[in-house]
């Protein structure tokens, strides 16, 4: 199994995407670095973060990276044989968007500028993830099939995450879509086509 690859795992809320990413990481690496992008703003969010933390193996290294994600990937990915999990792209984009704009802003020009500025960071992340010798797994949310958000910033977030997902998927070696806990392979360009097959067989019950 080779390293230096970029893997994207996407799905809706509570689809099982984070669990699949963790299983992929555990199956293929002696060292796993978990880049956590969530910020704890209330008791509910704290409970969610704690649930994810308790599910991870004790020997995994957790790095808090609510904003400096690309820098963390560049730093932690220098050693081959390492797997980095970024969970999640959507939370990172939300953090970046809160710096670029505010809830009160509904100017098309300002929102477009914010999208363009953040997409520059997304492309930088994809480039760094491709360059480091580590295996990088990016967990992201699929928000394009839900209701249209009723407020401008929600629509900006939806559009931005959709564009970011397209960019990461285009650069990725492998893309998984998780629906109701079941993974589907959307893309696999690696020469080692057997990657992840044992996990997929488990989910299929074979």
Protein backbone atom coordinates (compact mmCIF):
# COMPACT_ATOMS: atom_id res chain seq x y z
CA UNK A 1 0.00 0.00 0.00
CA UNK A 2 1.47 3.31 -1.06
CA UNK A 3 1.59 6.58 0.80
CA UNK A 4 1.57 10.14 -0.44
CA UNK A 5 -2.06 9.70 -1.54
CA UNK A 6 -5.12 11.89 -1.06
CA UNK A 7 -8.42 10.29 -0.07
CA UNK A 8 -11.77 12.05 0.27
CA UNK A 9 -14.64 10.66 2.33
CA UNK A 10 -17.95 12.47 1.99
CA UNK A 11 -21.53 11.98 3.16
CA UNK A 12 -24.40 13.62 4.98
CA UNK A 13 -24.84 14.15 8.69
CA UNK A 14 -24.54 10.94 10.71
CA UNK A 15 -23.86 8.99 7.53
CA UNK A 16 -20.83 7.18 9.00
CA UNK A 17 -18.24 9.12 7.02
CA UNK A 18 -15.97 9.87 9.99
CA UNK A 19 -16.08 6.26 11.13
CA UNK A 20 -15.10 5.03 7.66
CA UNK A 21 -12.21 7.49 7.54
CA UNK A 22 -11.00 6.28 10.92
CA UNK A 23 -11.22 2.64 9.82
CA UNK A 24 -9.27 3.40 6.64
CA UNK A 25 -6.59 5.11 8.70
CA UNK A 26 -6.38 2.33 11.26
CA UNK A 27 -6.09 -0.30 8.53
CA UNK A 28 -3.10 1.19 6.82
CA UNK A 29 -0.76 3.15 9.05
CA UNK A 30 1.39 2.78 12.16
CA UNK A 31 1.03 6.50 12.96
CA UNK A 32 -2.20 8.47 12.64
CA UNK A 33 -2.53 12.21 13.13
CA UNK A 34 -6.07 13.52 13.60
CA UNK A 35 -6.54 17.16 12.59
CA UNK A 36 -9.58 18.44 14.49
CA UNK A 37 -11.17 21.55 13.01
CA UNK A 38 -14.16 21.88 15.35
CA UNK A 39 -14.36 24.70 17.86
CA UNK A 40 -16.30 24.14 21.07
CA UNK A 41 -18.87 26.87 21.57
CA UNK A 42 -21.50 25.15 23.72
CA UNK A 43 -22.19 22.02 25.76
CA UNK A 44 -23.71 20.11 22.85
CA UNK A 45 -20.67 20.70 20.66
CA UNK A 46 -18.40 19.72 23.53
CA UNK A 47 -20.28 16.42 23.85
CA UNK A 48 -19.97 15.76 20.12
CA UNK A 49 -16.23 16.44 20.17
CA UNK A 50 -15.80 14.21 23.22
CA UNK A 51 -17.70 11.37 21.51
CA UNK A 52 -15.35 11.52 18.52
CA UNK A 53 -12.31 11.72 20.79
CA UNK A 54 -13.29 8.66 22.84
CA UNK A 55 -13.84 6.64 19.68
CA UNK A 56 -10.30 7.21 18.45
CA UNK A 57 -7.42 4.91 19.52
CA UNK A 58 -5.40 6.28 22.40
CA UNK A 59 -2.14 6.25 20.45
CA UNK A 60 -3.44 8.57 17.74
CA UNK A 61 -2.07 12.10 17.88
CA UNK A 62 -4.71 14.84 17.91
CA UNK A 63 -3.81 18.27 16.56
CA UNK A 64 -6.28 21.13 17.02
CA UNK A 65 -6.37 23.03 13.73
CA UNK A 66 -9.48 25.20 13.43
CA UNK A 67 -7.80 27.56 10.95
CA UNK A 68 -4.19 26.60 10.14
CA UNK A 69 -5.11 23.33 8.43
CA UNK A 70 -2.78 23.53 5.44
CA UNK A 71 0.16 24.39 7.68
CA UNK A 72 -0.66 21.41 9.90
CA UNK A 73 -0.81 19.02 6.93
CA UNK A 74 2.53 20.33 5.67
CA UNK A 75 4.12 19.93 9.11
CA UNK A 76 2.65 16.60 10.17
CA UNK A 77 2.85 15.01 6.73
CA UNK A 78 6.62 15.14 6.32
CA UNK A 79 7.15 11.56 7.46
CA UNK A 80 6.20 8.75 5.10
CA UNK A 81 4.09 6.03 6.68
CA UNK A 82 1.89 8.56 8.47
CA UNK A 83 -1.84 8.96 7.87
CA UNK A 84 -3.48 12.32 8.47
CA UNK A 85 -7.24 12.60 8.97
CA UNK A 86 -8.73 16.04 8.44
CA UNK A 87 -12.19 16.09 10.03
CA UNK A 88 -13.82 18.04 8.66
CA UNK A 89 -13.45 20.20 5.57
CA UNK A 90 -16.88 21.75 6.15
CA UNK A 91 -16.03 22.86 9.68
CA UNK A 92 -12.75 24.38 8.47
CA UNK A 93 -14.61 26.28 5.74
CA UNK A 94 -17.14 27.49 8.32
CA UNK A 95 -14.29 28.79 10.48
CA UNK A 96 -12.70 30.54 7.50
CA UNK A 97 -16.01 31.97 6.37
CA UNK A 98 -16.63 33.49 9.80
CA UNK A 99 -13.39 35.44 9.33
CA UNK A 100 -14.20 36.58 5.81
CA UNK A 101 -17.78 37.72 6.31
CA UNK A 102 -20.57 38.18 8.86
CA UNK A 103 -24.15 37.03 9.21
CA UNK A 104 -25.39 40.55 8.45
CA UNK A 105 -23.63 40.76 5.10
CA UNK A 106 -25.80 39.93 2.15
CA UNK A 107 -23.82 41.71 -0.56
CA UNK A 108 -23.31 39.47 -3.58
CA UNK A 109 -19.97 41.13 -4.25
CA UNK A 110 -18.69 40.59 -0.71
CA UNK A 111 -19.88 37.00 -0.60
CA UNK A 112 -18.34 36.26 -3.98
CA UNK A 113 -15.05 37.73 -2.80
CA UNK A 114 -15.19 35.55 0.32
CA UNK A 115 -15.78 32.44 -1.79
CA UNK A 116 -12.86 33.28 -4.07
CA UNK A 117 -10.52 33.94 -1.14
CA UNK A 118 -11.39 30.67 0.58
CA UNK A 119 -11.14 28.67 -2.65
CA UNK A 120 -7.53 29.82 -2.90
CA UNK A 121 -6.95 28.18 0.50
CA UNK A 122 -8.74 25.02 -0.65
CA UNK A 123 -6.48 24.72 -3.68
CA UNK A 124 -3.44 25.29 -1.46
CA UNK A 125 -4.60 22.50 0.85
CA UNK A 126 -5.09 20.10 -2.06
CA UNK A 127 -1.63 20.93 -3.42
CA UNK A 128 0.09 20.37 -0.06
CA UNK A 129 -1.85 17.15 0.54
CA UNK A 130 -0.60 15.88 -2.82
CA UNK A 131 3.00 16.87 -2.11
CA UNK A 132 3.61 15.43 1.37
CA UNK A 133 4.67 11.76 1.65
CA UNK A 134 1.91 11.03 4.17
CA UNK A 135 -1.50 9.63 3.29
CA UNK A 136 -4.12 12.36 3.75
CA UNK A 137 -7.79 11.52 4.35
CA UNK A 138 -10.17 14.47 4.11
CA UNK A 139 -13.62 14.06 5.63
CA UNK A 140 -16.22 16.42 4.22
CA UNK A 141 -19.96 16.99 4.29
CA UNK A 142 -22.33 16.59 1.36
CA UNK A 143 -24.77 19.48 1.66
CA UNK A 144 -25.95 19.89 -1.91
CA UNK A 145 -28.94 17.53 -1.65
CA UNK A 146 -30.71 19.20 1.25
CA UNK A 147 -33.00 22.19 1.53
CA UNK A 148 -31.85 25.57 0.26
CA UNK A 149 -30.75 27.59 3.32
CA UNK A 150 -33.16 30.46 4.02
CA UNK A 151 -30.44 33.01 4.80
CA UNK A 152 -27.60 34.41 2.62
CA UNK A 153 -24.61 33.16 4.63
CA UNK A 154 -26.06 29.64 4.68
CA UNK A 155 -26.31 29.69 0.89
CA UNK A 156 -22.75 30.98 0.63
CA UNK A 157 -21.55 28.13 2.84
CA UNK A 158 -23.47 25.56 0.80
CA UNK A 159 -22.09 26.87 -2.50
CA UNK A 160 -18.56 27.17 -1.14
CA UNK A 161 -18.47 23.68 0.32
CA UNK A 162 -19.84 22.26 -2.92
CA UNK A 163 -17.07 23.97 -4.90
CA UNK A 164 -14.46 22.84 -2.37
CA UNK A 165 -15.68 19.25 -2.53
CA UNK A 166 -15.39 19.31 -6.31
CA UNK A 167 -11.81 20.59 -6.08
CA UNK A 168 -10.73 18.00 -3.50
CA UNK A 169 -12.46 15.19 -5.41
CA UNK A 170 -10.73 16.24 -8.61
CA UNK A 171 -7.33 16.08 -6.91
CA UNK A 172 -8.00 12.94 -4.85
CA UNK A 173 -6.77 9.46 -5.69
CA UNK A 174 -9.83 7.91 -4.07
CA UNK A 175 -13.27 9.25 -3.20
CA UNK A 176 -15.80 7.46 -0.99
CA UNK A 177 -19.45 8.45 -0.55
CA UNK A 178 -21.06 7.12 2.63
CA UNK A 179 -24.85 6.74 2.72
CA UNK A 180 -26.61 5.24 5.78
CA UNK A 181 -23.31 3.79 6.95
CA UNK A 182 -22.55 2.11 3.61
CA UNK A 183 -19.59 3.29 1.50
CA UNK A 184 -19.62 3.66 -2.26
CA UNK A 185 -16.42 4.07 -4.28
CA UNK A 186 -16.83 7.09 -6.54
CA UNK A 187 -13.23 7.26 -7.72
CA UNK A 188 -10.11 5.09 -7.49
CA UNK A 189 -7.06 5.99 -9.55
CA UNK A 190 -4.42 4.22 -7.44
CA UNK A 191 -2.41 1.44 -9.04
CA UNK A 192 -3.08 -0.60 -5.90
CA UNK A 193 -6.76 -1.17 -6.65
CA UNK A 194 -7.14 -3.47 -3.62
CA UNK A 195 -6.92 -0.55 -1.17
CA UNK A 196 -9.91 -0.58 1.12
CA UNK A 197 -11.37 -3.77 -0.32
CA UNK A 198 -11.42 -5.61 3.02
CA UNK A 199 -13.39 -2.79 4.62
CA UNK A 200 -15.80 -2.66 1.70
CA UNK A 201 -16.38 -6.41 1.95
CA UNK A 202 -17.15 -5.97 5.64
CA UNK A 203 -19.78 -3.35 4.91
CA UNK A 204 -21.28 -5.51 2.16
CA UNK A 205 -21.43 -8.49 4.50
CA UNK A 206 -19.25 -10.73 2.30
